[in-house]
Amino acid sequence: MSSLSEFVPDGGVKAERLVLRELAHRIDDELALAIDLVSQAVDRCDGAEARTTLASVQERLEGHAQLHHALQMPQFTTTVDLAAYLLQLCRSISRSSLEDKGIALSLLLRPLKMNSERCWLLGMIIFELITRAVRHVSHGGAGVIRLEVWLTATSIACCIMDNGSSDEIRYREEDGSIVELLAARLNGAVDVRAGPDGFRTVVNIPR
């Protein structure tokens, strides 16, 4: 599959980032428009059941808008707090994708100052791991996904655990994915393990 950088002139990395940011802004605008239209429909609706349904749709769209914003590539290189970023990201994921399924997401984070682009790449990894876990945990109040971050003198470890299926089919499904590609960008490694209580993926990256 061709990447966008193949179709941009010299200075392609900067041009690619510019195009991606412009696309992100357009998606933000479209989501904001959709939220506004649903909000107007809620105000005009007389039926209680229909109002409740539309309000739920509005809340879901707002959650997706927050998630999309959290996953956007940083415009400037700066220093951010990893724990604060992951807390915001996970709240957006829960609101947009987990709460309506009855899936609980618990966090154990550690404060750490980090380059904004490395933080964003790590956030993309965690989003992908949580998204993939959702496909396997039980819905309806029994599903649990847990994110833990711990530090050593030389590395940062991010662990996603869930109480979903841990069979061989799922183990193969998790192998060789976008997570490995993103981890490689961070000079990191991915360890995937299936056990009797569920599934566990640990991503280790250098500090």
Protein backbone atom coordinates (compact mmCIF):
# COMPACT_ATOMS: atom_id res chain seq x y z
CA MET A 1 0.00 0.00 0.00
CA SER A 2 1.42 3.41 -0.99
CA SER A 3 1.98 6.02 1.67
CA LEU A 4 1.06 9.66 1.33
CA SER A 5 4.75 10.62 1.33
CA GLU A 6 5.23 8.94 -2.08
CA PHE A 7 2.98 11.56 -3.67
CA VAL A 8 4.39 14.74 -2.15
CA PRO A 9 7.45 16.68 -3.38
CA ASP A 10 10.79 17.19 -1.62
CA GLY A 11 10.19 18.20 1.95
CA GLY A 12 7.58 15.47 1.86
CA VAL A 13 7.48 14.87 5.60
CA LYS A 14 6.44 18.46 6.27
CA ALA A 15 3.94 18.36 3.41
CA GLU A 16 2.51 15.06 4.66
CA ARG A 17 2.05 16.48 8.14
CA LEU A 18 0.36 19.57 6.71
CA VAL A 19 -2.09 17.44 4.71
CA LEU A 20 -2.86 15.23 7.72
CA ARG A 21 -3.49 18.26 9.94
CA GLU A 22 -5.80 19.77 7.32
CA LEU A 23 -7.74 16.49 7.07
CA ALA A 24 -8.00 16.37 10.87
CA HIS A 25 -9.39 19.92 10.94
CA ARG A 26 -11.99 19.02 8.33
CA ILE A 27 -13.07 15.97 10.30
CA ASP A 28 -13.35 18.17 13.42
CA ASP A 29 -15.58 20.55 11.48
CA GLU A 30 -17.80 17.74 10.17
CA LEU A 31 -18.20 16.24 13.64
CA ALA A 32 -19.04 19.65 15.09
CA LEU A 33 -21.68 20.13 12.37
CA ALA A 34 -23.21 16.71 13.05
CA ILE A 35 -23.32 17.40 16.80
CA ASP A 36 -25.01 20.75 16.18
CA LEU A 37 -27.62 19.18 13.88
CA VAL A 38 -28.45 16.48 16.44
CA SER A 39 -28.62 19.10 19.19
CA GLN A 40 -31.13 21.11 17.15
CA ALA A 41 -33.17 17.94 16.55
CA VAL A 42 -33.24 17.29 20.32
CA ASP A 43 -34.58 20.81 20.93
CA ARG A 44 -37.33 20.37 18.32
CA CYS A 45 -38.36 16.86 19.34
CA ASP A 46 -41.54 16.41 21.41
CA GLY A 47 -41.46 12.68 22.17
CA ALA A 48 -39.60 11.74 25.35
CA GLU A 49 -38.24 8.49 23.94
CA ALA A 50 -37.03 10.14 20.74
CA ARG A 51 -35.41 12.96 22.74
CA THR A 52 -33.57 10.43 24.89
CA THR A 53 -32.33 8.54 21.83
CA LEU A 54 -31.15 11.70 20.08
CA ALA A 55 -29.44 12.94 23.25
CA SER A 56 -27.60 9.61 23.43
CA VAL A 57 -26.49 10.00 19.81
CA GLN A 58 -25.28 13.53 20.56
CA GLU A 59 -23.27 12.34 23.57
CA ARG A 60 -21.74 9.54 21.50
CA LEU A 61 -20.73 11.98 18.75
CA GLU A 62 -19.20 14.32 21.33
CA GLY A 63 -17.19 11.39 22.68
CA HIS A 64 -15.90 10.57 19.19
CA ALA A 65 -15.01 14.23 18.63
CA GLN A 66 -12.99 14.29 21.86
CA LEU A 67 -11.30 11.03 20.92
CA HIS A 68 -10.44 12.28 17.45
CA HIS A 69 -8.93 15.42 18.95
CA ALA A 70 -6.87 13.41 21.45
CA LEU A 71 -5.46 11.20 18.67
CA GLN A 72 -4.41 14.05 16.40
CA MET A 73 -0.73 14.42 15.56
CA PRO A 74 0.80 17.23 17.68
CA GLN A 75 1.34 20.39 15.69
CA PHE A 76 4.42 21.41 17.66
CA THR A 77 7.13 19.45 19.43
CA THR A 78 6.86 20.17 23.13
CA THR A 79 6.94 18.38 26.49
CA VAL A 80 3.73 16.91 27.91
CA ASP A 81 2.77 14.79 30.90
CA LEU A 82 2.17 11.21 29.79
CA ALA A 83 -0.27 10.40 32.62
CA ALA A 84 -2.43 13.47 31.94
CA TYR A 85 -2.51 12.71 28.21
CA LEU A 86 -3.44 9.05 28.71
CA LEU A 87 -6.13 9.97 31.24
CA GLN A 88 -7.76 12.32 28.72
CA LEU A 89 -7.40 9.74 25.93
CA CYS A 90 -8.89 6.90 27.97
CA ARG A 91 -11.82 9.03 29.13
CA SER A 92 -12.58 9.77 25.48
CA ILE A 93 -12.31 6.09 24.54
CA SER A 94 -14.64 5.10 27.38
CA ARG A 95 -17.21 7.73 26.48
CA SER A 96 -17.22 6.93 22.76
CA SER A 97 -16.81 3.15 22.71
CA LEU A 98 -17.00 1.41 26.10
CA GLU A 99 -19.72 2.86 28.32
CA ASP A 100 -22.61 1.81 26.09
CA LYS A 101 -21.23 -1.75 26.06
CA GLY A 102 -20.84 -1.92 29.83
CA ILE A 103 -17.06 -2.34 29.59
CA ALA A 104 -15.01 -0.92 32.47
CA LEU A 105 -11.61 0.68 31.80
CA SER A 106 -9.33 1.07 34.81
CA LEU A 107 -6.03 2.96 34.89
CA LEU A 108 -2.84 2.86 36.90
CA LEU A 109 -0.60 5.64 35.58
CA ARG A 110 2.68 7.27 36.53
CA PRO A 111 3.53 10.96 35.94
CA LEU A 112 6.26 11.36 33.34
CA LYS A 113 7.36 14.30 31.20
CA MET A 114 7.68 13.18 27.60
CA ASN A 115 8.22 14.49 24.08
CA SER A 116 4.79 15.24 22.57
CA GLU A 117 5.31 13.15 19.42
CA ARG A 118 6.50 10.09 21.37
CA CYS A 119 3.53 10.55 23.70
CA TRP A 120 1.17 10.69 20.70
CA LEU A 121 2.64 7.52 19.17
CA LEU A 122 2.26 5.73 22.50
CA GLY A 123 -1.33 6.96 22.68
CA MET A 124 -1.98 5.50 19.22
CA ILE A 125 -0.62 2.14 20.42
CA ILE A 126 -2.84 2.17 23.52
CA PHE A 127 -5.90 3.15 21.47
CA GLU A 128 -5.27 0.24 19.11
CA LEU A 129 -4.78 -2.24 21.98
CA ILE A 130 -7.97 -1.11 23.75
CA THR A 131 -9.94 -1.21 20.49
CA ARG A 132 -8.79 -4.73 19.83
CA ALA A 133 -9.55 -5.82 23.41
CA VAL A 134 -13.14 -4.55 23.06
CA ARG A 135 -13.76 -7.17 20.37
CA HIS A 136 -13.05 -9.98 22.82
CA VAL A 137 -14.22 -8.98 26.30
CA SER A 138 -17.74 -9.69 27.49
CA HIS A 139 -20.27 -6.92 27.01
CA GLY A 140 -23.15 -6.09 29.33
CA GLY A 141 -21.22 -5.25 32.49
CA ALA A 142 -18.76 -8.15 32.64
CA GLY A 143 -15.98 -6.76 30.46
CA VAL A 144 -12.88 -5.29 32.10
CA ILE A 145 -9.88 -3.66 30.42
CA ARG A 146 -6.96 -2.40 32.49
CA LEU A 147 -4.11 -0.07 31.51
CA GLU A 148 -0.99 0.07 33.66
CA VAL A 149 2.12 2.17 33.09
CA TRP A 150 5.28 1.64 35.07
CA LEU A 151 8.80 3.02 34.81
CA THR A 152 12.28 1.61 35.15
CA ALA A 153 15.58 3.42 35.02
CA THR A 154 15.78 2.91 31.26
CA SER A 155 12.28 2.14 29.94
CA ILE A 156 8.55 2.84 30.00
CA ALA A 157 6.23 -0.16 30.08
CA CYS A 158 2.58 0.09 29.05
CA CYS A 159 0.45 -2.95 29.76
CA ILE A 160 -3.08 -3.59 28.51
CA MET A 161 -4.91 -6.49 30.17
CA ASP A 162 -8.43 -7.75 29.62
CA ASN A 163 -10.63 -10.61 30.81
CA GLY A 164 -11.61 -11.68 27.32
CA SER A 165 -10.89 -14.81 25.34
CA SER A 166 -7.29 -15.96 25.23
CA ASP A 167 -7.48 -18.72 22.63
CA GLU A 168 -4.95 -19.43 19.91
CA ILE A 169 -7.04 -17.75 17.20
CA ARG A 170 -6.96 -14.47 19.06
CA TYR A 171 -3.24 -14.86 19.78
CA ARG A 172 -2.53 -15.14 16.05
CA GLU A 173 -4.85 -12.22 15.36
CA GLU A 174 -2.80 -9.97 17.61
CA ASP A 175 0.50 -10.78 15.88
CA GLY A 176 2.17 -8.55 13.29
CA SER A 177 -0.15 -5.57 13.53
CA ILE A 178 0.00 -1.79 13.53
CA VAL A 179 1.09 -1.96 17.18
CA GLU A 180 4.42 -3.49 16.17
CA LEU A 181 4.92 -0.81 13.50
CA LEU A 182 4.19 2.01 15.93
CA ALA A 183 6.38 0.44 18.62
CA ALA A 184 9.23 0.22 16.12
CA ARG A 185 8.93 3.98 15.57
CA LEU A 186 9.65 4.31 19.30
CA ASN A 187 12.47 1.72 19.23
CA GLY A 188 10.26 -0.42 21.44
CA ALA A 189 9.22 -4.05 21.74
CA VAL A 190 5.85 -5.76 22.12
CA ASP A 191 5.20 -8.83 24.27
CA VAL A 192 1.84 -10.60 23.82
CA ARG A 193 0.70 -13.32 26.21
CA ALA A 194 -2.49 -15.30 26.61
CA GLY A 195 -3.39 -16.84 29.96
CA PRO A 196 -6.28 -18.52 31.73
CA ASP A 197 -7.59 -15.18 33.02
CA GLY A 198 -7.43 -13.27 29.76
CA PHE A 199 -5.01 -11.45 27.52
CA ARG A 200 -1.97 -9.28 28.28
CA THR A 201 0.08 -7.07 25.97
CA VAL A 202 3.12 -5.14 27.21
CA VAL A 203 4.84 -2.46 25.13
CA ASN A 204 8.30 -1.46 26.33
CA ILE A 205 9.96 1.68 24.97
CA PRO A 206 13.19 3.39 26.03
CA ARG A 207 12.85 6.47 28.25
